[in-house]
N, C-alpha and C. Protein backbone atom coordinates (compact mmCIF):
# COMPACT_ATOMS: atom_id res chain seq x y z
N MET A 1 0.82 -1.20 -0.01
CA MET A 1 0.00 0.01 0.00
C MET A 1 0.85 1.25 -0.01
N ASP A 2 1.88 1.31 0.85
CA ASP A 2 2.69 2.52 0.92
C ASP A 2 3.55 2.72 -0.32
N ASP A 3 3.72 1.69 -1.13
CA ASP A 3 4.53 1.82 -2.34
C ASP A 3 3.70 1.98 -3.59
N GLU A 4 2.44 2.37 -3.45
CA GLU A 4 1.58 2.59 -4.60
C GLU A 4 2.09 3.80 -5.38
N LEU A 5 2.20 3.62 -6.69
CA LEU A 5 2.55 4.76 -7.54
C LEU A 5 1.26 5.39 -8.06
N LEU A 6 1.11 6.68 -7.82
CA LEU A 6 -0.08 7.40 -8.18
C LEU A 6 0.27 8.52 -9.15
N ASP A 7 -0.63 8.78 -10.09
CA ASP A 7 -0.43 9.93 -10.97
C ASP A 7 -0.58 11.21 -10.16
N LEU A 8 0.33 12.12 -10.34
CA LEU A 8 0.22 13.48 -9.77
C LEU A 8 -0.43 14.31 -10.87
N VAL A 9 -1.53 15.00 -10.50
CA VAL A 9 -2.26 15.75 -11.52
C VAL A 9 -2.37 17.21 -11.10
N ASP A 10 -2.66 18.06 -12.09
CA ASP A 10 -2.86 19.47 -11.80
C ASP A 10 -4.37 19.70 -11.51
N ALA A 11 -4.74 20.94 -11.28
CA ALA A 11 -6.13 21.27 -10.92
C ALA A 11 -7.12 20.90 -12.05
N ASN A 12 -6.63 20.74 -13.27
CA ASN A 12 -7.48 20.34 -14.40
C ASN A 12 -7.49 18.83 -14.60
N ASP A 13 -6.90 18.11 -13.64
CA ASP A 13 -6.86 16.64 -13.68
C ASP A 13 -5.98 16.11 -14.82
N GLN A 14 -5.00 16.89 -15.19
CA GLN A 14 -4.03 16.45 -16.20
C GLN A 14 -2.76 15.94 -15.51
N VAL A 15 -2.28 14.80 -15.95
CA VAL A 15 -1.11 14.20 -15.33
C VAL A 15 0.13 15.08 -15.51
N ILE A 16 0.80 15.35 -14.39
CA ILE A 16 2.02 16.16 -14.43
C ILE A 16 3.23 15.41 -13.86
N GLY A 17 3.00 14.18 -13.39
CA GLY A 17 4.08 13.39 -12.83
C GLY A 17 3.52 12.16 -12.13
N ILE A 18 4.42 11.51 -11.43
CA ILE A 18 4.06 10.32 -10.63
C ILE A 18 4.60 10.52 -9.23
N VAL A 19 3.81 10.11 -8.24
CA VAL A 19 4.21 10.27 -6.85
C VAL A 19 3.96 8.94 -6.13
N ASN A 20 4.81 8.63 -5.17
CA ASN A 20 4.60 7.47 -4.35
C ASN A 20 3.61 7.82 -3.26
N ARG A 21 2.70 6.93 -2.97
CA ARG A 21 1.69 7.21 -1.96
C ARG A 21 2.30 7.59 -0.62
N LYS A 22 3.43 6.98 -0.30
CA LYS A 22 4.07 7.29 0.99
C LYS A 22 4.59 8.73 1.05
N ASP A 23 4.65 9.42 -0.10
CA ASP A 23 5.09 10.82 -0.13
C ASP A 23 3.93 11.79 -0.05
N TYR A 24 2.74 11.31 0.30
CA TYR A 24 1.55 12.14 0.34
C TYR A 24 1.74 13.35 1.26
N ALA A 25 2.39 13.18 2.40
CA ALA A 25 2.55 14.29 3.36
C ALA A 25 3.31 15.45 2.73
N SER A 26 4.31 15.18 1.93
CA SER A 26 5.05 16.27 1.28
C SER A 26 4.23 16.91 0.17
N LEU A 27 3.43 16.12 -0.53
CA LEU A 27 2.54 16.69 -1.54
C LEU A 27 1.55 17.64 -0.88
N LEU A 28 1.02 17.23 0.25
CA LEU A 28 0.07 18.04 0.97
C LEU A 28 0.73 19.34 1.49
N ARG A 29 1.91 19.20 2.04
CA ARG A 29 2.61 20.35 2.60
C ARG A 29 3.04 21.34 1.50
N ASP A 30 3.58 20.82 0.40
CA ASP A 30 4.12 21.68 -0.65
C ASP A 30 3.10 22.09 -1.70
N LYS A 31 1.90 21.48 -1.67
CA LYS A 31 0.85 21.80 -2.60
C LYS A 31 1.32 21.76 -4.05
N ILE A 32 1.98 20.66 -4.40
CA ILE A 32 2.57 20.53 -5.74
C ILE A 32 1.62 19.92 -6.76
N GLY A 33 0.47 19.48 -6.33
CA GLY A 33 -0.49 18.88 -7.24
C GLY A 33 -1.53 18.11 -6.43
N TYR A 34 -2.22 17.20 -7.11
CA TYR A 34 -3.28 16.43 -6.51
C TYR A 34 -3.09 14.96 -6.85
N ILE A 35 -3.68 14.11 -6.03
CA ILE A 35 -3.76 12.69 -6.38
C ILE A 35 -5.24 12.37 -6.58
N ARG A 36 -5.49 11.25 -7.21
CA ARG A 36 -6.86 10.89 -7.56
C ARG A 36 -7.39 9.76 -6.69
N ALA A 37 -8.70 9.80 -6.46
CA ALA A 37 -9.39 8.71 -5.76
C ALA A 37 -10.76 8.49 -6.38
N SER A 38 -11.23 7.26 -6.27
CA SER A 38 -12.58 6.91 -6.71
C SER A 38 -13.36 6.43 -5.50
N GLU A 39 -14.62 6.83 -5.45
CA GLU A 39 -15.48 6.49 -4.32
C GLU A 39 -16.82 6.04 -4.85
N LEU A 40 -17.37 5.00 -4.24
CA LEU A 40 -18.63 4.44 -4.68
C LEU A 40 -19.59 4.28 -3.51
N PHE A 41 -20.82 4.71 -3.73
CA PHE A 41 -21.89 4.44 -2.77
C PHE A 41 -22.80 3.39 -3.38
N ILE A 42 -23.07 2.33 -2.62
CA ILE A 42 -24.10 1.37 -2.99
C ILE A 42 -25.38 1.83 -2.31
N VAL A 43 -26.41 2.07 -3.11
CA VAL A 43 -27.67 2.61 -2.61
C VAL A 43 -28.78 1.62 -2.96
N ASN A 44 -29.60 1.29 -1.97
CA ASN A 44 -30.67 0.33 -2.20
C ASN A 44 -31.96 1.01 -2.64
N SER A 45 -33.01 0.22 -2.81
CA SER A 45 -34.29 0.74 -3.29
C SER A 45 -34.99 1.66 -2.28
N GLU A 46 -34.53 1.67 -1.03
CA GLU A 46 -35.05 2.59 -0.02
C GLU A 46 -34.18 3.85 0.12
N ASN A 47 -33.23 4.00 -0.81
CA ASN A 47 -32.26 5.10 -0.81
C ASN A 47 -31.37 5.10 0.42
N LYS A 48 -31.12 3.91 0.95
CA LYS A 48 -30.15 3.75 2.04
C LYS A 48 -28.81 3.34 1.45
N ILE A 49 -27.75 3.79 2.13
CA ILE A 49 -26.37 3.53 1.68
C ILE A 49 -25.83 2.34 2.45
N TRP A 50 -25.17 1.45 1.74
CA TRP A 50 -24.46 0.35 2.39
C TRP A 50 -23.13 0.93 2.91
N VAL A 51 -23.03 1.01 4.25
CA VAL A 51 -21.90 1.70 4.90
C VAL A 51 -21.06 0.68 5.69
N PRO A 52 -19.84 0.40 5.26
CA PRO A 52 -18.98 -0.50 6.03
C PRO A 52 -18.22 0.25 7.11
N ILE A 53 -17.80 -0.53 8.12
CA ILE A 53 -16.96 -0.04 9.21
C ILE A 53 -15.56 -0.59 9.00
N ARG A 54 -14.57 0.32 8.99
CA ARG A 54 -13.19 -0.06 8.75
C ARG A 54 -12.61 -0.86 9.93
N THR A 55 -11.60 -1.64 9.64
CA THR A 55 -10.93 -2.40 10.70
C THR A 55 -10.18 -1.46 11.63
N ALA A 56 -9.89 -1.95 12.83
CA ALA A 56 -9.22 -1.17 13.85
C ALA A 56 -7.77 -0.85 13.52
N ASP A 57 -7.17 -1.62 12.61
CA ASP A 57 -5.75 -1.41 12.29
C ASP A 57 -5.51 -0.42 11.16
N LYS A 58 -6.58 0.17 10.63
CA LYS A 58 -6.42 1.15 9.55
C LYS A 58 -5.77 2.43 10.09
N THR A 59 -4.88 3.01 9.30
CA THR A 59 -4.21 4.25 9.69
C THR A 59 -5.19 5.41 9.70
N ILE A 60 -6.03 5.47 8.67
CA ILE A 60 -7.02 6.52 8.54
C ILE A 60 -8.37 5.98 9.00
N ALA A 61 -9.02 6.69 9.90
CA ALA A 61 -10.36 6.38 10.40
C ALA A 61 -10.51 4.93 10.86
N PRO A 62 -9.65 4.48 11.79
CA PRO A 62 -9.84 3.12 12.31
C PRO A 62 -11.22 3.00 12.97
N ASN A 63 -11.90 1.87 12.74
CA ASN A 63 -13.25 1.63 13.27
C ASN A 63 -14.25 2.66 12.77
N GLY A 64 -13.93 3.35 11.69
CA GLY A 64 -14.80 4.42 11.21
C GLY A 64 -15.60 4.02 9.98
N TYR A 65 -16.57 4.85 9.70
CA TYR A 65 -17.37 4.68 8.48
C TYR A 65 -16.49 4.89 7.25
N ASP A 66 -16.88 4.21 6.19
CA ASP A 66 -16.15 4.33 4.92
C ASP A 66 -17.18 4.37 3.78
N TYR A 67 -16.67 4.67 2.62
CA TYR A 67 -17.49 4.56 1.41
C TYR A 67 -17.78 3.06 1.22
N SER A 68 -18.82 2.77 0.45
CA SER A 68 -19.11 1.36 0.15
C SER A 68 -17.87 0.73 -0.50
N VAL A 69 -17.22 1.49 -1.35
CA VAL A 69 -15.98 1.09 -2.01
C VAL A 69 -15.19 2.37 -2.27
N ALA A 70 -13.88 2.30 -2.11
CA ALA A 70 -13.05 3.46 -2.44
C ALA A 70 -11.62 3.03 -2.64
N GLY A 71 -10.89 3.83 -3.39
CA GLY A 71 -9.47 3.53 -3.59
C GLY A 71 -8.75 4.62 -4.34
N HIS A 72 -7.45 4.61 -4.20
CA HIS A 72 -6.60 5.54 -4.95
C HIS A 72 -6.49 5.08 -6.40
N VAL A 73 -6.47 6.01 -7.28
CA VAL A 73 -6.30 5.72 -8.70
C VAL A 73 -4.80 5.54 -8.96
N GLU A 74 -4.40 4.34 -9.27
CA GLU A 74 -3.00 4.04 -9.49
C GLU A 74 -2.54 4.65 -10.81
N SER A 75 -1.26 4.91 -10.89
CA SER A 75 -0.68 5.50 -12.09
C SER A 75 -1.02 4.65 -13.31
N GLY A 76 -1.46 5.34 -14.35
CA GLY A 76 -1.77 4.67 -15.61
C GLY A 76 -3.18 4.12 -15.70
N THR A 77 -3.96 4.23 -14.62
CA THR A 77 -5.33 3.74 -14.68
C THR A 77 -6.27 4.96 -14.56
N ASP A 78 -7.56 4.68 -14.56
CA ASP A 78 -8.52 5.80 -14.44
C ASP A 78 -9.48 5.54 -13.29
N TYR A 79 -10.36 6.49 -13.08
CA TYR A 79 -11.32 6.44 -11.97
C TYR A 79 -12.19 5.19 -12.04
N LEU A 80 -12.75 4.94 -13.20
CA LEU A 80 -13.68 3.81 -13.35
C LEU A 80 -12.97 2.46 -13.16
N ASP A 81 -11.78 2.31 -13.74
CA ASP A 81 -11.00 1.08 -13.54
C ASP A 81 -10.77 0.85 -12.05
N THR A 82 -10.51 1.93 -11.33
CA THR A 82 -10.25 1.85 -9.89
C THR A 82 -11.45 1.32 -9.15
N ILE A 83 -12.63 1.86 -9.44
CA ILE A 83 -13.84 1.41 -8.73
C ILE A 83 -14.13 -0.06 -9.04
N ILE A 84 -13.96 -0.46 -10.28
CA ILE A 84 -14.20 -1.86 -10.66
C ILE A 84 -13.22 -2.77 -9.91
N ARG A 85 -11.95 -2.40 -9.86
CA ARG A 85 -10.93 -3.20 -9.16
C ARG A 85 -11.19 -3.24 -7.66
N GLU A 86 -11.47 -2.08 -7.07
CA GLU A 86 -11.68 -2.01 -5.63
C GLU A 86 -12.96 -2.73 -5.20
N ALA A 87 -13.99 -2.72 -6.02
CA ALA A 87 -15.23 -3.46 -5.69
C ALA A 87 -14.91 -4.94 -5.54
N GLN A 88 -14.08 -5.44 -6.42
CA GLN A 88 -13.70 -6.87 -6.35
C GLN A 88 -12.85 -7.12 -5.10
N GLU A 89 -11.87 -6.25 -4.85
CA GLU A 89 -10.95 -6.46 -3.71
C GLU A 89 -11.63 -6.27 -2.36
N GLU A 90 -12.45 -5.24 -2.24
CA GLU A 90 -12.99 -4.87 -0.93
C GLU A 90 -14.30 -5.56 -0.56
N ILE A 91 -15.14 -5.82 -1.58
CA ILE A 91 -16.46 -6.40 -1.24
C ILE A 91 -16.82 -7.59 -2.15
N ASN A 92 -15.84 -8.15 -2.81
CA ASN A 92 -16.04 -9.35 -3.63
C ASN A 92 -17.19 -9.20 -4.62
N LEU A 93 -17.27 -8.02 -5.24
CA LEU A 93 -18.37 -7.74 -6.15
C LEU A 93 -17.80 -7.47 -7.56
N ASP A 94 -18.28 -8.23 -8.52
CA ASP A 94 -17.90 -8.01 -9.91
C ASP A 94 -18.86 -7.02 -10.53
N ILE A 95 -18.34 -5.85 -10.90
CA ILE A 95 -19.16 -4.83 -11.57
C ILE A 95 -18.48 -4.42 -12.86
N SER A 96 -19.25 -3.75 -13.67
CA SER A 96 -18.71 -3.23 -14.92
C SER A 96 -19.07 -1.76 -15.05
N GLN A 97 -18.56 -1.15 -16.06
CA GLN A 97 -18.81 0.29 -16.30
C GLN A 97 -20.30 0.61 -16.38
N LYS A 98 -21.08 -0.28 -16.94
CA LYS A 98 -22.52 -0.03 -17.10
C LYS A 98 -23.29 -0.09 -15.77
N ASP A 99 -22.68 -0.66 -14.72
CA ASP A 99 -23.35 -0.81 -13.44
C ASP A 99 -23.32 0.44 -12.58
N VAL A 100 -22.39 1.32 -12.86
CA VAL A 100 -22.19 2.51 -12.00
C VAL A 100 -22.45 3.80 -12.79
N ARG A 101 -22.76 4.85 -12.02
CA ARG A 101 -22.98 6.15 -12.64
C ARG A 101 -22.19 7.21 -11.85
N LEU A 102 -21.49 8.06 -12.55
CA LEU A 102 -20.77 9.16 -11.92
C LEU A 102 -21.79 10.19 -11.46
N ILE A 103 -21.69 10.59 -10.18
CA ILE A 103 -22.59 11.62 -9.68
C ILE A 103 -21.87 12.94 -9.43
N SER A 104 -20.55 12.89 -9.24
CA SER A 104 -19.83 14.14 -8.98
C SER A 104 -18.33 13.91 -9.08
N LYS A 105 -17.65 14.97 -9.45
CA LYS A 105 -16.20 15.00 -9.39
C LYS A 105 -15.83 16.18 -8.49
N ILE A 106 -15.05 15.90 -7.49
CA ILE A 106 -14.74 16.89 -6.45
C ILE A 106 -13.24 17.17 -6.39
N THR A 107 -12.88 18.43 -6.42
CA THR A 107 -11.49 18.82 -6.20
C THR A 107 -11.40 19.38 -4.78
N SER A 108 -10.56 18.79 -3.98
CA SER A 108 -10.40 19.22 -2.60
C SER A 108 -9.03 19.84 -2.39
N GLU A 109 -9.03 21.13 -2.11
CA GLU A 109 -7.78 21.85 -1.87
C GLU A 109 -7.13 21.41 -0.55
N THR A 110 -7.95 21.15 0.47
CA THR A 110 -7.40 20.85 1.79
C THR A 110 -6.68 19.51 1.83
N ILE A 111 -7.23 18.49 1.15
CA ILE A 111 -6.56 17.19 1.17
C ILE A 111 -5.82 16.88 -0.13
N ARG A 112 -5.87 17.80 -1.09
CA ARG A 112 -5.15 17.68 -2.37
C ARG A 112 -5.55 16.41 -3.14
N TYR A 113 -6.84 16.19 -3.23
CA TYR A 113 -7.37 15.06 -3.98
C TYR A 113 -8.34 15.58 -5.05
N ILE A 114 -8.41 14.84 -6.16
CA ILE A 114 -9.51 14.97 -7.08
C ILE A 114 -10.23 13.62 -7.02
N ARG A 115 -11.51 13.68 -6.66
CA ARG A 115 -12.26 12.47 -6.37
C ARG A 115 -13.46 12.35 -7.28
N SER A 116 -13.65 11.16 -7.83
CA SER A 116 -14.85 10.85 -8.61
C SER A 116 -15.75 10.00 -7.73
N VAL A 117 -17.00 10.45 -7.60
CA VAL A 117 -17.97 9.76 -6.73
C VAL A 117 -19.02 9.11 -7.62
N TYR A 118 -19.19 7.79 -7.43
CA TYR A 118 -20.10 6.97 -8.22
C TYR A 118 -21.22 6.42 -7.35
N ILE A 119 -22.30 6.01 -8.01
CA ILE A 119 -23.41 5.33 -7.34
C ILE A 119 -23.67 4.01 -8.06
N LEU A 120 -23.98 3.00 -7.28
CA LEU A 120 -24.41 1.69 -7.78
C LEU A 120 -25.70 1.36 -7.06
N ARG A 121 -26.74 1.06 -7.81
CA ARG A 121 -28.04 0.68 -7.23
C ARG A 121 -28.07 -0.83 -7.02
N SER A 122 -28.32 -1.24 -5.77
CA SER A 122 -28.41 -2.67 -5.46
C SER A 122 -29.04 -2.87 -4.10
N ASP A 123 -29.82 -3.94 -3.96
CA ASP A 123 -30.39 -4.30 -2.67
C ASP A 123 -29.64 -5.48 -2.05
N GLU A 124 -28.58 -5.93 -2.69
CA GLU A 124 -27.78 -7.04 -2.19
C GLU A 124 -26.81 -6.59 -1.10
N ASN A 125 -26.59 -7.43 -0.11
CA ASN A 125 -25.59 -7.18 0.91
C ASN A 125 -24.24 -7.74 0.42
N PRO A 126 -23.30 -6.87 0.12
CA PRO A 126 -22.00 -7.36 -0.33
C PRO A 126 -21.28 -8.16 0.75
N GLN A 127 -20.41 -9.03 0.32
CA GLN A 127 -19.56 -9.78 1.24
C GLN A 127 -18.21 -9.08 1.30
N PHE A 128 -18.02 -8.34 2.38
CA PHE A 128 -16.81 -7.53 2.50
C PHE A 128 -15.59 -8.37 2.84
N ASN A 129 -14.45 -7.81 2.48
CA ASN A 129 -13.16 -8.41 2.80
C ASN A 129 -12.84 -8.09 4.26
N PRO A 130 -12.66 -9.11 5.11
CA PRO A 130 -12.40 -8.87 6.53
C PRO A 130 -11.07 -8.14 6.81
N ASN A 131 -10.22 -8.04 5.81
CA ASN A 131 -9.00 -7.25 5.97
C ASN A 131 -9.28 -5.76 5.85
N ASP A 132 -10.43 -5.41 5.29
CA ASP A 132 -10.81 -4.01 5.11
C ASP A 132 -11.87 -3.56 6.08
N PHE A 133 -12.87 -4.41 6.32
CA PHE A 133 -14.04 -4.01 7.10
C PHE A 133 -14.37 -5.05 8.16
N VAL A 134 -15.03 -4.60 9.24
CA VAL A 134 -15.46 -5.51 10.30
C VAL A 134 -16.97 -5.72 10.30
N SER A 135 -17.70 -4.80 9.75
CA SER A 135 -19.16 -4.90 9.67
C SER A 135 -19.66 -3.88 8.68
N ALA A 136 -20.98 -3.90 8.46
CA ALA A 136 -21.60 -2.92 7.56
C ALA A 136 -23.09 -2.83 7.89
N GLU A 137 -23.68 -1.73 7.54
CA GLU A 137 -25.12 -1.54 7.75
C GLU A 137 -25.67 -0.60 6.69
N TRP A 138 -26.97 -0.68 6.49
CA TRP A 138 -27.67 0.21 5.58
C TRP A 138 -28.14 1.42 6.37
N LEU A 139 -27.74 2.62 5.94
CA LEU A 139 -28.11 3.85 6.61
C LEU A 139 -28.67 4.86 5.61
N ALA A 140 -29.70 5.58 6.01
CA ALA A 140 -30.17 6.70 5.20
C ALA A 140 -29.08 7.78 5.24
N PRO A 141 -28.95 8.57 4.18
CA PRO A 141 -27.94 9.63 4.20
C PRO A 141 -28.05 10.53 5.43
N THR A 142 -29.27 10.86 5.83
CA THR A 142 -29.45 11.73 7.03
C THR A 142 -28.94 11.05 8.28
N GLU A 143 -29.15 9.73 8.41
CA GLU A 143 -28.64 8.98 9.56
C GLU A 143 -27.12 8.97 9.59
N LEU A 144 -26.53 8.75 8.43
CA LEU A 144 -25.07 8.70 8.35
C LEU A 144 -24.48 10.05 8.71
N ILE A 145 -25.02 11.12 8.17
CA ILE A 145 -24.52 12.47 8.50
C ILE A 145 -24.69 12.75 9.99
N ALA A 146 -25.86 12.42 10.55
CA ALA A 146 -26.10 12.64 11.97
C ALA A 146 -25.10 11.87 12.83
N ASN A 147 -24.81 10.61 12.47
CA ASN A 147 -23.86 9.82 13.23
C ASN A 147 -22.45 10.42 13.17
N ILE A 148 -22.06 10.88 11.98
CA ILE A 148 -20.75 11.52 11.84
C ILE A 148 -20.70 12.79 12.68
N ASP A 149 -21.75 13.58 12.60
CA ASP A 149 -21.82 14.83 13.39
C ASP A 149 -21.81 14.58 14.90
N ALA A 150 -22.32 13.41 15.29
CA ALA A 150 -22.34 13.05 16.71
C ALA A 150 -21.02 12.46 17.18
N GLY A 151 -20.05 12.36 16.25
CA GLY A 151 -18.72 11.92 16.64
C GLY A 151 -18.28 10.54 16.19
N HIS A 152 -19.14 9.83 15.44
CA HIS A 152 -18.69 8.51 14.94
C HIS A 152 -17.51 8.74 14.00
N GLU A 153 -16.46 8.02 14.19
CA GLU A 153 -15.28 8.11 13.33
C GLU A 153 -15.67 7.82 11.87
N ALA A 154 -15.05 8.54 10.95
CA ALA A 154 -15.31 8.36 9.52
C ALA A 154 -14.19 8.96 8.73
N LYS A 155 -14.02 8.51 7.49
CA LYS A 155 -13.07 9.15 6.60
C LYS A 155 -13.43 10.64 6.51
N SER A 156 -12.44 11.51 6.46
CA SER A 156 -12.68 12.94 6.52
C SER A 156 -13.52 13.48 5.33
N SER A 157 -13.44 12.84 4.19
CA SER A 157 -14.16 13.31 3.01
C SER A 157 -15.57 12.71 2.89
N LEU A 158 -15.90 11.78 3.75
CA LEU A 158 -17.16 11.04 3.60
C LEU A 158 -18.40 11.94 3.75
N ARG A 159 -18.42 12.78 4.75
CA ARG A 159 -19.60 13.61 5.01
C ARG A 159 -19.93 14.47 3.78
N GLU A 160 -18.93 15.12 3.23
CA GLU A 160 -19.13 15.97 2.05
C GLU A 160 -19.74 15.17 0.88
N ALA A 161 -19.21 13.97 0.67
CA ALA A 161 -19.69 13.13 -0.44
C ALA A 161 -21.13 12.64 -0.18
N VAL A 162 -21.47 12.36 1.07
CA VAL A 162 -22.83 11.91 1.40
C VAL A 162 -23.81 13.05 1.11
N ILE A 163 -23.42 14.27 1.42
CA ILE A 163 -24.31 15.42 1.12
C ILE A 163 -24.54 15.54 -0.39
N LEU A 164 -23.49 15.35 -1.18
CA LEU A 164 -23.64 15.36 -2.64
C LEU A 164 -24.55 14.24 -3.11
N LEU A 165 -24.37 13.06 -2.53
CA LEU A 165 -25.22 11.91 -2.86
C LEU A 165 -26.67 12.20 -2.49
N GLN A 166 -26.89 12.77 -1.35
CA GLN A 166 -28.23 13.09 -0.87
C GLN A 166 -28.93 14.04 -1.86
N THR A 167 -28.22 15.06 -2.31
CA THR A 167 -28.76 15.99 -3.30
C THR A 167 -29.08 15.25 -4.61
N HIS A 168 -28.17 14.39 -5.03
CA HIS A 168 -28.38 13.61 -6.24
C HIS A 168 -29.66 12.76 -6.12
N LEU A 169 -29.83 12.10 -4.98
CA LEU A 169 -30.99 11.23 -4.79
C LEU A 169 -32.30 12.02 -4.77
N GLN A 170 -32.26 13.24 -4.26
CA GLN A 170 -33.46 14.08 -4.22
C GLN A 170 -33.87 14.54 -5.59
N HIS A 171 -32.92 14.61 -6.51
CA HIS A 171 -33.20 15.13 -7.87
C HIS A 171 -33.29 14.05 -8.92
N SER A 172 -33.26 12.80 -8.50
CA SER A 172 -33.31 11.74 -9.53
C SER A 172 -34.50 10.83 -9.33
């Protein structure tokens, strides 16, 4: 994981170099560019999100809420390839491009990421990888936001993405 090579991109999402994931702190400090991530929400017919809980040994948000699927976009790949790969690795789910829909692309100055957020409609309970997650539950976006606001540990970008998803669901 720490030796992942990631494309370094500019604010227009154009590749300007390659960076090792372990050098993220210097990228953040020096503001030399952005790295890419893909995030997926699995949403059921009741508009609830399948929300996994991360394992206790995770560096970021241990025991915290996570996206249904998420991952860094490795050098030479794209956002969609990343979601397809991560769905298989994290929740043992085979998906294709036609199964997901892009709902937003977010550029975050504070964490120096460009993130593509996708939605997958499904009522199935995925079988998560126990190396990534310890449990999961279906939560309405409002419940998830309220739990995060009440102090439940979560990835720092999750709340913002849930609000975008909530808006998307209200307009679709």
